[in-house]
Amino acid sequence: MTELNNGRDVWLTLDAVHKFYGELHVLDSIDIEVHQEEIVTILGPSGCGKTTLLRILNGLIPHDDGEVLYKNQRVTGPRPEMAMVFQHFGLFPWKRLHQNIGYGLNIQGRPKEEIDKLVSHYTELVGLKGFEDNFPSELSGGMQQRAGLARALATQADILLLDEPFGALDALTREQLQEELLKINEAEPKAMVFITHSIDEAVLIGDRVMVMTPRPGRIRFEMETGFGRGRNLEKIRGSRRFQELRHYLWELLRNPDLEPGPLPDEAELVPSAAKEGSVN
């Protein structure tokens, strides 16, 4: 067990998980543990099975071998303790914002009073108060993604599974939502599995970064970023540590046959300053 997760319970486990589509071997012996309130980001080339992996975690599609466990219980179908956030928003165009955010709660059969309370809370938390009666077509891309995040948060799931949630957004909006996601998670901590094609995003958001191989997807490498909670993303972007980790991961992804070497020195990180989000 790493220092980061010392004493934290394991919430999600994949043990030797395989997935086939006909004769196509998509995932090959995937082993992952996600701990309580840990953020795991996953990088890998297109087609390596990242989205398939996320859907298996949530029980949306079956795996062919191995085990998937949520708190030591087998995952055999969708579970209310896990919520998905998709790249393309996934909002119903004919429903108003408050109806979209409350959709999962309605599916769960929650009482109307509880739904209204949760929808109001998470609408405000993601900065959409005042837009409750708008349709998705009346919202910007960033606002629609905030709505998708609010819908997932409103279910009060333990774990968020995010499939390139900011991939369709412009660079500035993407950076703003990265900051907001971490602030929200400080206020209401959850575990996250976050799929991304962006090396920068993986390092900035993740407590731990995993790199997958080309298909059939395997976990090739993993590392802790070391930036801690309450991180200041602007300061991290300007740090030597960030640049070194970024370059290290870039070389791994650019050279599929490259054996992972020693990680960049962590000595420049100041643990006592991590809570303030500062790095040297």
C-alpha atoms as a PDB file:
ATOM      1  CA  MET A   1       0.000   0.000   0.000  1.00  0.00           C
ATOM      2  CA  THR A   2       1.326   3.436  -0.964  1.00  0.00           C
ATOM      3  CA  GLU A   3       1.791   6.299   1.480  1.00  0.00           C
ATOM      4  CA  LEU A   4      -1.086   8.124  -0.204  1.00  0.00           C
ATOM      5  CA  ASN A   5      -3.539   5.318   0.520  1.00  0.00           C
ATOM      6  CA  ASN A   6      -2.179   4.182   3.865  1.00  0.00           C
ATOM      7  CA  GLY A   7      -5.189   3.281   6.015  1.00  0.00           C
ATOM      8  CA  ARG A   8      -7.746   3.936   3.266  1.00  0.00           C
ATOM      9  CA  ASP A   9     -10.210   1.227   2.297  1.00  0.00           C
ATOM     10  CA  VAL A  10     -10.204  -0.237  -1.210  1.00  0.00           C
ATOM     11  CA  TRP A  11     -13.453   0.774  -2.887  1.00  0.00           C
ATOM     12  CA  LEU A  12     -12.962  -0.656  -6.392  1.00  0.00           C
ATOM     13  CA  THR A  13     -11.023  -3.720  -7.489  1.00  0.00           C
ATOM     14  CA  LEU A  14     -10.370  -5.210 -10.912  1.00  0.00           C
ATOM     15  CA  ASP A  15      -8.620  -8.547 -10.648  1.00  0.00           C
ATOM     16  CA  ALA A  16      -7.261 -10.115 -13.867  1.00  0.00           C
ATOM     17  CA  VAL A  17     -10.138  -8.701 -15.935  1.00  0.00           C
ATOM     18  CA  HIS A  18     -10.371  -9.659 -19.611  1.00  0.00           C
ATOM     19  CA  LYS A  19     -12.788  -8.450 -22.278  1.00  0.00           C
ATOM     20  CA  PHE A  20     -13.380  -9.797 -25.786  1.00  0.00           C
ATOM     21  CA  TYR A  21     -15.610  -8.591 -28.608  1.00  0.00           C
ATOM     22  CA  GLY A  22     -15.885 -11.747 -30.658  1.00  0.00           C
ATOM     23  CA  GLU A  23     -12.274 -12.689 -31.383  1.00  0.00           C
ATOM     24  CA  LEU A  24     -11.011  -9.180 -30.647  1.00  0.00           C
ATOM     25  CA  HIS A  25      -9.119  -9.113 -27.333  1.00  0.00           C
ATOM     26  CA  VAL A  26      -9.833  -5.646 -25.907  1.00  0.00           C
ATOM     27  CA  LEU A  27      -8.629  -5.855 -22.284  1.00  0.00           C
ATOM     28  CA  ASP A  28      -5.938  -8.235 -21.073  1.00  0.00           C
ATOM     29  CA  SER A  29      -5.607  -9.121 -17.380  1.00  0.00           C
ATOM     30  CA  ILE A  30      -6.377  -5.690 -15.930  1.00  0.00           C
ATOM     31  CA  ASP A  31      -5.495  -5.287 -12.241  1.00  0.00           C
ATOM     32  CA  ILE A  32      -6.554  -2.038 -10.551  1.00  0.00           C
ATOM     33  CA  GLU A  33      -7.358  -0.948  -7.016  1.00  0.00           C
ATOM     34  CA  VAL A  34      -9.032   2.387  -6.315  1.00  0.00           C
ATOM     35  CA  HIS A  35      -9.017   3.538  -2.712  1.00  0.00           C
ATOM     36  CA  GLN A  36     -11.402   5.660  -0.710  1.00  0.00           C
ATOM     37  CA  GLU A  37     -11.482   9.248  -2.059  1.00  0.00           C
ATOM     38  CA  GLU A  38      -8.578   8.578  -4.445  1.00  0.00           C
ATOM     39  CA  ILE A  39      -8.447  10.143  -7.908  1.00  0.00           C
ATOM     40  CA  VAL A  40      -7.022   7.771 -10.518  1.00  0.00           C
ATOM     41  CA  THR A  41      -6.428   9.125 -14.020  1.00  0.00           C
ATOM     42  CA  ILE A  42      -5.933   6.739 -16.939  1.00  0.00           C
ATOM     43  CA  LEU A  43      -3.988   7.523 -20.116  1.00  0.00           C
ATOM     44  CA  GLY A  44      -3.597   5.385 -23.192  1.00  0.00           C
ATOM     45  CA  PRO A  45      -3.658   5.426 -26.995  1.00  0.00           C
ATOM     46  CA  SER A  46      -6.972   5.532 -28.846  1.00  0.00           C
ATOM     47  CA  GLY A  47      -8.616   2.122 -29.069  1.00  0.00           C
ATOM     48  CA  CYS A  48      -6.794   0.624 -26.078  1.00  0.00           C
ATOM     49  CA  GLY A  49     -10.035  -0.058 -24.178  1.00  0.00           C
ATOM     50  CA  LYS A  50     -10.200   2.863 -21.728  1.00  0.00           C
ATOM     51  CA  THR A  51     -13.918   3.496 -22.220  1.00  0.00           C
ATOM     52  CA  THR A  52     -14.650  -0.235 -22.180  1.00  0.00           C
ATOM     53  CA  LEU A  53     -12.792  -0.456 -18.876  1.00  0.00           C
ATOM     54  CA  LEU A  54     -14.907   2.338 -17.399  1.00  0.00           C
ATOM     55  CA  ARG A  55     -18.154   0.693 -18.515  1.00  0.00           C
ATOM     56  CA  ILE A  56     -17.067  -2.606 -16.997  1.00  0.00           C
ATOM     57  CA  LEU A  57     -16.308  -0.837 -13.719  1.00  0.00           C
ATOM     58  CA  ASN A  58     -19.846   0.545 -13.628  1.00  0.00           C
ATOM     59  CA  GLY A  59     -21.436  -2.765 -14.584  1.00  0.00           C
ATOM     60  CA  LEU A  60     -22.803  -1.373 -17.855  1.00  0.00           C
ATOM     61  CA  ILE A  61     -21.192  -4.171 -19.875  1.00  0.00           C
ATOM     62  CA  PRO A  62     -20.007  -7.607 -18.719  1.00  0.00           C
ATOM     63  CA  HIS A  63     -16.389  -8.722 -18.579  1.00  0.00           C
ATOM     64  CA  ASP A  64     -15.336 -12.168 -19.792  1.00  0.00           C
ATOM     65  CA  ASP A  65     -12.892 -13.235 -17.087  1.00  0.00           C
ATOM     66  CA  GLY A  66     -11.599 -12.015 -13.749  1.00  0.00           C
ATOM     67  CA  GLU A  67     -13.447 -10.137 -11.012  1.00  0.00           C
ATOM     68  CA  VAL A  68     -14.818  -6.627 -10.560  1.00  0.00           C
ATOM     69  CA  LEU A  69     -15.561  -5.711  -6.943  1.00  0.00           C
ATOM     70  CA  TYR A  70     -17.099  -2.703  -5.225  1.00  0.00           C
ATOM     71  CA  LYS A  71     -16.182  -2.827  -1.529  1.00  0.00           C
ATOM     72  CA  ASN A  72     -15.585  -6.582  -1.882  1.00  0.00           C
ATOM     73  CA  GLN A  73     -18.981  -7.168  -3.527  1.00  0.00           C
ATOM     74  CA  ARG A  74     -19.141  -8.436  -7.104  1.00  0.00           C
ATOM     75  CA  VAL A  75     -20.275  -5.909  -9.695  1.00  0.00           C
ATOM     76  CA  THR A  76     -22.794  -7.677 -11.943  1.00  0.00           C
ATOM     77  CA  GLY A  77     -24.727  -4.641 -13.178  1.00  0.00           C
ATOM     78  CA  PRO A  78     -25.053  -0.880 -12.723  1.00  0.00           C
ATOM     79  CA  ARG A  79     -24.723   0.189  -9.097  1.00  0.00           C
ATOM     80  CA  PRO A  80     -26.146   3.363  -7.517  1.00  0.00           C
ATOM     81  CA  GLU A  81     -22.848   3.882  -5.666  1.00  0.00           C
ATOM     82  CA  MET A  82     -21.161   4.729  -8.991  1.00  0.00           C
ATOM     83  CA  ALA A  83     -22.078   7.516 -11.418  1.00  0.00           C
ATOM     84  CA  MET A  84     -20.827   8.219 -14.939  1.00  0.00           C
ATOM     85  CA  VAL A  85     -19.899  11.567 -16.481  1.00  0.00           C
ATOM     86  CA  PHE A  86     -19.563  11.454 -20.267  1.00  0.00           C
ATOM     87  CA  GLN A  87     -17.622  13.529 -22.784  1.00  0.00           C
ATOM     88  CA  HIS A  88     -20.672  14.558 -24.803  1.00  0.00           C
ATOM     89  CA  PHE A  89     -22.782  15.759 -21.889  1.00  0.00           C
ATOM     90  CA  GLY A  90     -25.585  13.171 -22.293  1.00  0.00           C
ATOM     91  CA  LEU A  91     -28.351  15.666 -21.505  1.00  0.00           C
ATOM     92  CA  PHE A  92     -31.892  15.136 -22.777  1.00  0.00           C
ATOM     93  CA  PRO A  93     -32.614  18.076 -25.127  1.00  0.00           C
ATOM     94  CA  TRP A  94     -36.360  18.087 -24.342  1.00  0.00           C
ATOM     95  CA  LYS A  95     -35.824  18.296 -20.574  1.00  0.00           C
ATOM     96  CA  ARG A  96     -35.065  21.455 -18.649  1.00  0.00           C
ATOM     97  CA  LEU A  97     -31.850  21.738 -16.652  1.00  0.00           C
ATOM     98  CA  HIS A  98     -33.415  20.811 -13.310  1.00  0.00           C
ATOM     99  CA  GLN A  99     -35.089  17.785 -14.909  1.00  0.00           C
ATOM    100  CA  ASN A 100     -31.794  16.617 -16.399  1.00  0.00           C
ATOM    101  CA  ILE A 101     -29.959  16.989 -13.098  1.00  0.00           C
ATOM    102  CA  GLY A 102     -32.691  15.108 -11.252  1.00  0.00           C
ATOM    103  CA  TYR A 103     -33.019  12.338 -13.836  1.00  0.00           C
ATOM    104  CA  GLY A 104     -30.925   9.750 -11.990  1.00  0.00           C
ATOM    105  CA  LEU A 105     -32.740  10.480  -8.746  1.00  0.00           C
ATOM    106  CA  ASN A 106     -36.100   9.895 -10.445  1.00  0.00           C
ATOM    107  CA  ILE A 107     -34.840   6.583 -11.822  1.00  0.00           C
ATOM    108  CA  GLN A 108     -33.856   5.613  -8.271  1.00  0.00           C
ATOM    109  CA  GLY A 109     -37.379   6.414  -7.076  1.00  0.00           C
ATOM    110  CA  ARG A 110     -36.354   9.109  -4.597  1.00  0.00           C
ATOM    111  CA  PRO A 111     -39.155  11.218  -3.044  1.00  0.00           C
ATOM    112  CA  LYS A 112     -39.916  14.493  -4.867  1.00  0.00           C
ATOM    113  CA  GLU A 113     -38.983  16.626  -1.860  1.00  0.00           C
ATOM    114  CA  GLU A 114     -35.567  14.937  -1.651  1.00  0.00           C
ATOM    115  CA  ILE A 115     -35.030  15.281  -5.404  1.00  0.00           C
ATOM    116  CA  ASP A 116     -35.849  18.991  -5.345  1.00  0.00           C
ATOM    117  CA  LYS A 117     -33.481  19.568  -2.424  1.00  0.00           C
ATOM    118  CA  LEU A 118     -30.582  17.675  -4.019  1.00  0.00           C
ATOM    119  CA  VAL A 119     -31.102  19.250  -7.444  1.00  0.00           C
ATOM    120  CA  SER A 120     -31.105  22.728  -5.896  1.00  0.00           C
ATOM    121  CA  HIS A 121     -27.938  21.994  -3.899  1.00  0.00           C
ATOM    122  CA  TYR A 122     -25.904  20.588  -6.788  1.00  0.00           C
ATOM    123  CA  THR A 123     -27.162  23.150  -9.297  1.00  0.00           C
ATOM    124  CA  GLU A 124     -25.736  25.841  -7.042  1.00  0.00           C
ATOM    125  CA  LEU A 125     -22.567  23.848  -6.299  1.00  0.00           C
ATOM    126  CA  VAL A 126     -21.608  23.679  -9.994  1.00  0.00           C
ATOM    127  CA  GLY A 127     -22.454  27.337 -10.609  1.00  0.00           C
ATOM    128  CA  LEU A 128     -25.719  26.947 -12.547  1.00  0.00           C
ATOM    129  CA  LYS A 129     -28.137  28.604 -10.134  1.00  0.00           C
ATOM    130  CA  GLY A 130     -30.581  30.711 -12.145  1.00  0.00           C
ATOM    131  CA  PHE A 131     -30.529  28.389 -15.182  1.00  0.00           C
ATOM    132  CA  GLU A 132     -32.789  25.676 -13.729  1.00  0.00           C
ATOM    133  CA  ASP A 133     -35.535  26.174 -16.354  1.00  0.00           C
ATOM    134  CA  ASN A 134     -33.243  26.428 -19.376  1.00  0.00           C
ATOM    135  CA  PHE A 135     -33.029  23.721 -22.014  1.00  0.00           C
ATOM    136  CA  PRO A 136     -29.583  22.277 -22.916  1.00  0.00           C
ATOM    137  CA  SER A 137     -29.621  24.093 -26.272  1.00  0.00           C
ATOM    138  CA  GLU A 138     -29.683  27.377 -24.363  1.00  0.00           C
ATOM    139  CA  LEU A 139     -26.486  26.554 -22.453  1.00  0.00           C
ATOM    140  CA  SER A 140     -22.824  26.722 -23.474  1.00  0.00           C
ATOM    141  CA  GLY A 141     -20.731  23.565 -23.700  1.00  0.00           C
ATOM    142  CA  GLY A 142     -19.112  24.294 -20.353  1.00  0.00           C
ATOM    143  CA  MET A 143     -22.503  24.822 -18.720  1.00  0.00           C
ATOM    144  CA  GLN A 144     -23.803  21.573 -20.193  1.00  0.00           C
ATOM    145  CA  GLN A 145     -20.824  19.700 -18.785  1.00  0.00           C
ATOM    146  CA  ARG A 146     -21.426  21.300 -15.393  1.00  0.00           C
ATOM    147  CA  ALA A 147     -24.985  19.989 -15.634  1.00  0.00           C
ATOM    148  CA  GLY A 148     -23.710  16.488 -16.417  1.00  0.00           C
ATOM    149  CA  LEU A 149     -21.414  16.679 -13.409  1.00  0.00           C
ATOM    150  CA  ALA A 150     -24.261  17.942 -11.194  1.00  0.00           C
ATOM    151  CA  ARG A 151     -26.459  15.038 -12.331  1.00  0.00           C
ATOM    152  CA  ALA A 152     -23.771  12.550 -11.295  1.00  0.00           C
ATOM    153  CA  LEU A 153     -23.101  14.307  -7.986  1.00  0.00           C
ATOM    154  CA  ALA A 154     -26.799  14.519  -7.136  1.00  0.00           C
ATOM    155  CA  THR A 155     -27.043  10.730  -6.948  1.00  0.00           C
ATOM    156  CA  GLN A 156     -24.611  10.950  -3.998  1.00  0.00           C
ATOM    157  CA  ALA A 157     -22.513   8.139  -5.457  1.00  0.00           C
ATOM    158  CA  ASP A 158     -19.273   7.159  -3.718  1.00  0.00           C
ATOM    159  CA  ILE A 159     -17.392   6.941  -7.008  1.00  0.00           C
ATOM    160  CA  LEU A 160     -17.415   9.103 -10.133  1.00  0.00           C
ATOM    161  CA  LEU A 161     -16.396   7.456 -13.410  1.00  0.00           C
ATOM    162  CA  LEU A 162     -15.460  10.197 -15.873  1.00  0.00           C
ATOM    163  CA  ASP A 163     -14.950   9.425 -19.569  1.00  0.00           C
ATOM    164  CA  GLU A 164     -12.957  12.326 -21.055  1.00  0.00           C
ATOM    165  CA  PRO A 165     -15.445  14.751 -19.489  1.00  0.00           C
ATOM    166  CA  PHE A 166     -13.651  17.899 -20.676  1.00  0.00           C
ATOM    167  CA  GLY A 167     -12.416  16.589 -24.025  1.00  0.00           C
ATOM    168  CA  ALA A 168     -14.985  18.487 -26.119  1.00  0.00           C
ATOM    169  CA  LEU A 169     -14.372  21.860 -24.451  1.00  0.00           C
ATOM    170  CA  ASP A 170     -12.108  24.743 -25.409  1.00  0.00           C
ATOM    171  CA  ALA A 171      -8.811  25.054 -23.533  1.00  0.00           C
ATOM    172  CA  LEU A 172      -9.877  27.867 -21.188  1.00  0.00           C
ATOM    173  CA  THR A 173     -13.175  26.226 -20.203  1.00  0.00           C
ATOM    174  CA  ARG A 174     -11.356  22.949 -19.728  1.00  0.00           C
ATOM    175  CA  GLU A 175      -8.891  24.516 -17.280  1.00  0.00           C
ATOM    176  CA  GLN A 176     -11.722  26.224 -15.400  1.00  0.00           C
ATOM    177  CA  LEU A 177     -13.634  22.964 -15.014  1.00  0.00           C
ATOM    178  CA  GLN A 178     -10.513  21.109 -13.880  1.00  0.00           C
ATOM    179  CA  GLU A 179     -10.197  23.649 -11.066  1.00  0.00           C
ATOM    180  CA  GLU A 180     -13.896  23.442 -10.235  1.00  0.00           C
ATOM    181  CA  LEU A 181     -13.932  19.650 -10.193  1.00  0.00           C
ATOM    182  CA  LEU A 182     -11.140  19.555  -7.617  1.00  0.00           C
ATOM    183  CA  LYS A 183     -12.794  22.269  -5.506  1.00  0.00           C
ATOM    184  CA  ILE A 184     -16.079  20.350  -5.521  1.00  0.00           C
ATOM    185  CA  ASN A 185     -14.232  17.195  -4.549  1.00  0.00           C
ATOM    186  CA  GLU A 186     -12.612  19.034  -1.658  1.00  0.00           C
ATOM    187  CA  ALA A 187     -16.077  20.000  -0.406  1.00  0.00           C
ATOM    188  CA  GLU A 188     -17.631  16.555  -0.948  1.00  0.00           C
ATOM    189  CA  PRO A 189     -14.830  13.986  -1.385  1.00  0.00           C
ATOM    190  CA  LYS A 190     -15.382  11.002  -3.673  1.00  0.00           C
ATOM    191  CA  ALA A 191     -13.221   8.454  -5.423  1.00  0.00           C
ATOM    192  CA  MET A 192     -12.783   9.094  -9.138  1.00  0.00           C
ATOM    193  CA  VAL A 193     -11.603   7.146 -12.148  1.00  0.00           C
ATOM    194  CA  PHE A 194     -10.885   9.738 -14.821  1.00  0.00           C
ATOM    195  CA  ILE A 195     -10.191   8.790 -18.460  1.00  0.00           C
ATOM    196  CA  THR A 196      -8.287  11.360 -20.506  1.00  0.00           C
ATOM    197  CA  HIS A 197      -6.109  11.724 -23.595  1.00  0.00           C
ATOM    198  CA  SER A 198      -4.371  14.740 -22.071  1.00  0.00           C
ATOM    199  CA  ILE A 199      -1.100  14.097 -20.242  1.00  0.00           C
ATOM    200  CA  ASP A 200      -1.353  17.512 -18.576  1.00  0.00           C
ATOM    201  CA  GLU A 201      -4.845  16.767 -17.299  1.00  0.00           C
ATOM    202  CA  ALA A 202      -3.863  13.331 -16.014  1.00  0.00           C
ATOM    203  CA  VAL A 203      -1.003  14.771 -13.952  1.00  0.00           C
ATOM    204  CA  LEU A 204      -2.898  17.831 -12.722  1.00  0.00           C
ATOM    205  CA  ILE A 205      -6.006  15.992 -11.534  1.00  0.00           C
ATOM    206  CA  GLY A 206      -4.753  12.543 -10.567  1.00  0.00           C
ATOM    207  CA  ASP A 207      -3.417  11.349  -7.262  1.00  0.00           C
ATOM    208  CA  ARG A 208      -2.275   8.353  -9.294  1.00  0.00           C
ATOM    209  CA  VAL A 209      -1.750   8.091 -13.062  1.00  0.00           C
ATOM    210  CA  MET A 210      -2.032   4.806 -14.960  1.00  0.00           C
ATOM    211  CA  VAL A 211      -0.805   4.242 -18.511  1.00  0.00           C
ATOM    212  CA  MET A 212      -2.369   1.575 -20.732  1.00  0.00           C
ATOM    213  CA  THR A 213      -0.803  -0.300 -23.634  1.00  0.00           C
ATOM    214  CA  PRO A 214      -2.255  -0.410 -27.153  1.00  0.00           C
ATOM    215  CA  ARG A 215      -4.920  -3.082 -27.650  1.00  0.00           C
ATOM    216  CA  PRO A 216      -5.248  -5.469 -25.972  1.00  0.00           C
ATOM    217  CA  GLY A 217      -5.175  -2.932 -23.169  1.00  0.00           C
ATOM    218  CA  ARG A 218      -3.048  -3.691 -20.122  1.00  0.00           C
ATOM    219  CA  ILE A 219      -1.895  -1.487 -17.274  1.00  0.00           C
ATOM    220  CA  ARG A 220       1.661  -0.788 -18.384  1.00  0.00           C
ATOM    221  CA  PHE A 221       2.720   1.633 -15.674  1.00  0.00           C
ATOM    222  CA  GLU A 222       1.397   3.618 -12.732  1.00  0.00           C
ATOM    223  CA  MET A 223       2.754   6.375 -10.529  1.00  0.00           C
ATOM    224  CA  GLU A 224       1.694   8.834  -7.843  1.00  0.00           C
ATOM    225  CA  THR A 225       1.857  12.505  -8.768  1.00  0.00           C
ATOM    226  CA  GLY A 226       2.606  13.649  -5.214  1.00  0.00           C
ATOM    227  CA  PHE A 227       0.757  16.965  -5.396  1.00  0.00           C
ATOM    228  CA  GLY A 228      -1.637  16.273  -2.525  1.00  0.00           C
ATOM    229  CA  ARG A 229      -5.034  17.712  -1.709  1.00  0.00           C
ATOM    230  CA  GLY A 230      -5.937  21.379  -2.043  1.00  0.00           C
ATOM    231  CA  ARG A 231      -3.556  21.642  -4.982  1.00  0.00           C
ATOM    232  CA  ASN A 232      -3.092  24.914  -6.830  1.00  0.00           C
ATOM    233  CA  LEU A 233      -3.163  23.961 -10.503  1.00  0.00           C
ATOM    234  CA  GLU A 234      -1.622  27.219 -11.693  1.00  0.00           C
ATOM    235  CA  LYS A 235       1.408  26.744  -9.450  1.00  0.00           C
ATOM    236  CA  ILE A 236       1.680  23.080 -10.401  1.00  0.00           C
ATOM    237  CA  ARG A 237       1.705  23.937 -14.125  1.00  0.00           C
ATOM    238  CA  GLY A 238       4.723  26.157 -13.518  1.00  0.00           C
ATOM    239  CA  SER A 239       6.617  23.633 -11.402  1.00  0.00           C
ATOM    240  CA  ARG A 240       9.623  21.604 -12.529  1.00  0.00           C
ATOM    241  CA  ARG A 241       8.021  18.467 -11.093  1.00  0.00           C
ATOM    242  CA  PHE A 242       4.998  18.852 -13.385  1.00  0.00           C
ATOM    243  CA  GLN A 243       7.163  19.361 -16.462  1.00  0.00           C
ATOM    244  CA  GLU A 244       9.288  16.318 -15.628  1.00  0.00           C
ATOM    245  CA  LEU A 245       6.275  14.051 -15.063  1.00  0.00           C
ATOM    246  CA  ARG A 246       4.673  15.345 -18.239  1.00  0.00           C
ATOM    247  CA  HIS A 247       7.817  14.580 -20.261  1.00  0.00           C
ATOM    248  CA  TYR A 248       8.185  11.153 -18.617  1.00  0.00           C
ATOM    249  CA  LEU A 249       4.623  10.149 -19.550  1.00  0.00           C
ATOM    250  CA  TRP A 250       4.976  11.600 -23.043  1.00  0.00           C
ATOM    251  CA  GLU A 251       8.009   9.419 -23.705  1.00  0.00           C
ATOM    252  CA  LEU A 252       6.145   6.324 -22.461  1.00  0.00           C
ATOM    253  CA  LEU A 253       3.149   6.994 -24.699  1.00  0.00           C
ATOM    254  CA  ARG A 254       5.306   7.903 -27.697  1.00  0.00           C
ATOM    255  CA  ASN A 255       7.402   4.734 -27.371  1.00  0.00           C
ATOM    256  CA  PRO A 256       5.168   1.704 -26.658  1.00  0.00           C
ATOM    257  CA  ASP A 257       8.199  -0.597 -26.334  1.00  0.00           C
ATOM    258  CA  LEU A 258      10.096   1.661 -23.924  1.00  0.00           C
ATOM    259  CA  GLU A 259      10.708   0.156 -20.495  1.00  0.00           C
ATOM    260  CA  PRO A 260       9.667   2.601 -17.741  1.00  0.00           C
ATOM    261  CA  GLY A 261      12.757   4.035 -16.069  1.00  0.00           C
ATOM    262  CA  PRO A 262      13.226   5.732 -12.690  1.00  0.00           C
ATOM    263  CA  LEU A 263      10.676   8.406 -11.892  1.00  0.00           C
ATOM    264  CA  PRO A 264      11.784  12.045 -11.691  1.00  0.00           C
ATOM    265  CA  ASP A 265      13.104  12.964  -8.259  1.00  0.00           C
ATOM    266  CA  GLU A 266      10.339  13.902  -5.821  1.00  0.00           C
ATOM    267  CA  ALA A 267      12.700  15.831  -3.540  1.00  0.00           C
ATOM    268  CA  GLU A 268      11.489  19.200  -4.797  1.00  0.00           C
ATOM    269  CA  LEU A 269       7.968  18.545  -3.465  1.00  0.00           C
ATOM    270  CA  VAL A 270       7.357  20.073  -0.056  1.00  0.00           C
ATOM    271  CA  PRO A 271       4.840  17.781   1.714  1.00  0.00           C
ATOM    272  CA  SER A 272       3.889  20.372   4.319  1.00  0.00           C
ATOM    273  CA  ALA A 273       2.989  22.809   1.565  1.00  0.00           C
ATOM    274  CA  ALA A 274       0.861  20.349  -0.396  1.00  0.00           C
ATOM    275  CA  LYS A 275      -2.241  21.309   1.584  1.00  0.00           C
ATOM    276  CA  GLU A 276      -1.807  24.855   0.367  1.00  0.00           C
ATOM    277  CA  GLY A 277      -1.379  23.593  -3.175  1.00  0.00           C
ATOM    278  CA  SER A 278       2.130  24.997  -3.488  1.00  0.00           C
ATOM    279  CA  VAL A 279       5.139  23.355  -5.048  1.00  0.00           C
ATOM    280  CA  ASN A 280       8.690  24.611  -5.394  1.00  0.00           C
END
